[in-house]
Amino acid sequence: MASEYSDPGAGADLASAPAAGRTRKTAPGRASKRPRSAADRGKYPFVIGFLIVPLALYAVFVIWPFIQAIYYSFTDWTGLSPDFKMVGFDNYKKMFDDDTFWKSAQHSVTYVVLLPVVVLGIALFLSFMVNVGGRRRKGSAIAGVRGSSFYKIVYFFPQVLSIAIVALLFQFAYNPKTGALNSVLRGVGLDSVQPEWLGDPNLALWCIMAVLVWTQVGFFVVLFSAGMASIPSELYEAALLDGAGRFMTFFRLTLPLLWDTVQSGWVYMGILSLGAEAFAVVQIMSVGPGGPADSTTVLPLLVYQKAFGQGQAGYATTIGVALLVITLIFSGLVMRLGRRERLEF
């Protein structure tokens, strides 16, 4: 028999307490918060500790120089004197009225449009032949051409050499009197065909472009070969069973699965065409440099000439800002036009 003096609030407490084995219901739209563990609380300081140093270095050595260049583009700084003054948009007006700038921009755009197409096209063909294009062998549905390992080394060899050494070697080869190219033409009886090569305004730009193609193809052959080696052989075997040839296999299987790598290579090759590689080859090989008659001048070379040759660092940074805009436009277009559904295997 229950005591008549029992606590009146005990029943309320028992009624309000959740039954054993039940979970407390939360209001609609509200999730119950899980208590943060010690590992969660220590994760963020650990990540921040690792990121703060590289981010600080990136800001100091990458972001800040960009900001400085944009600032100096509005000044008449000579690059040698600490004294300068703001000139507003005078440098930009001068740039738009400069025929040499437009000619250099035309050459740089030619490089950035043609070089990635030629280099990546040749690299894709060679890497496909090295990895997949050989005859079918016993015990293997797909195989590369014989000696494929040796070919990879040969293709990659130009990457081992300095770009300055490569430019000097080809400068000797293009020499119209003692160079290897005209010597070969004379050797086969074409004495009447003796081009000036780098001295011809109509040929100089294309001669330098050929050197850039030769130096860069090997890198992308190795890059694409690594991507093709990761594609399961079962996919190629299924394509062969369906009667697909090499042409169909490349465009319907290999290229779609390598598309992300090709797109990254396109951006990388475009930046090289607009940057240091093009500058180094033109500076060393061309007449002048930049000649003859400004037929090989590119924007990086023009920046160098204005800043260090003519003491117009403010105007040079203005051209550098234009080069930055062209690079960003090119990268954005490639990423935008090359966007497609990602295929995984």
Foldseek 3Di string as FASTA:
>chain_A
DDDPPDDPCPVVVVVPDDDPPDDDDDDPPDDDDDDDDPCNVPPVVVVCVVPVVVVVVCCVPPVVVLVVLVVLLQWQFLLPDPDIDGNGCPLVVVLVVDPLNVLQAVLLVVLLVPLLVLLLVVLLVLLCQLAFVDDQDPPARGGHHPPSVVVLCVLQVLQVDDLLVLLVLVLQLLCQPRHVVVVVCVVVPNVVDRDNQLQDLVRNSVSLSVSVSSNRNSVSNVVLNVQVVPPDSVVVVVCVVVPDDSVCCCVVPSCQQCLVVSLVSSLVSSCCSQDDSLLSSQVNRHVVRCDDVNSSRHLVVVLCCSNPVVSRNSSSSVSVVVSVVVSVVSNVVSCVVSDDDRDDD
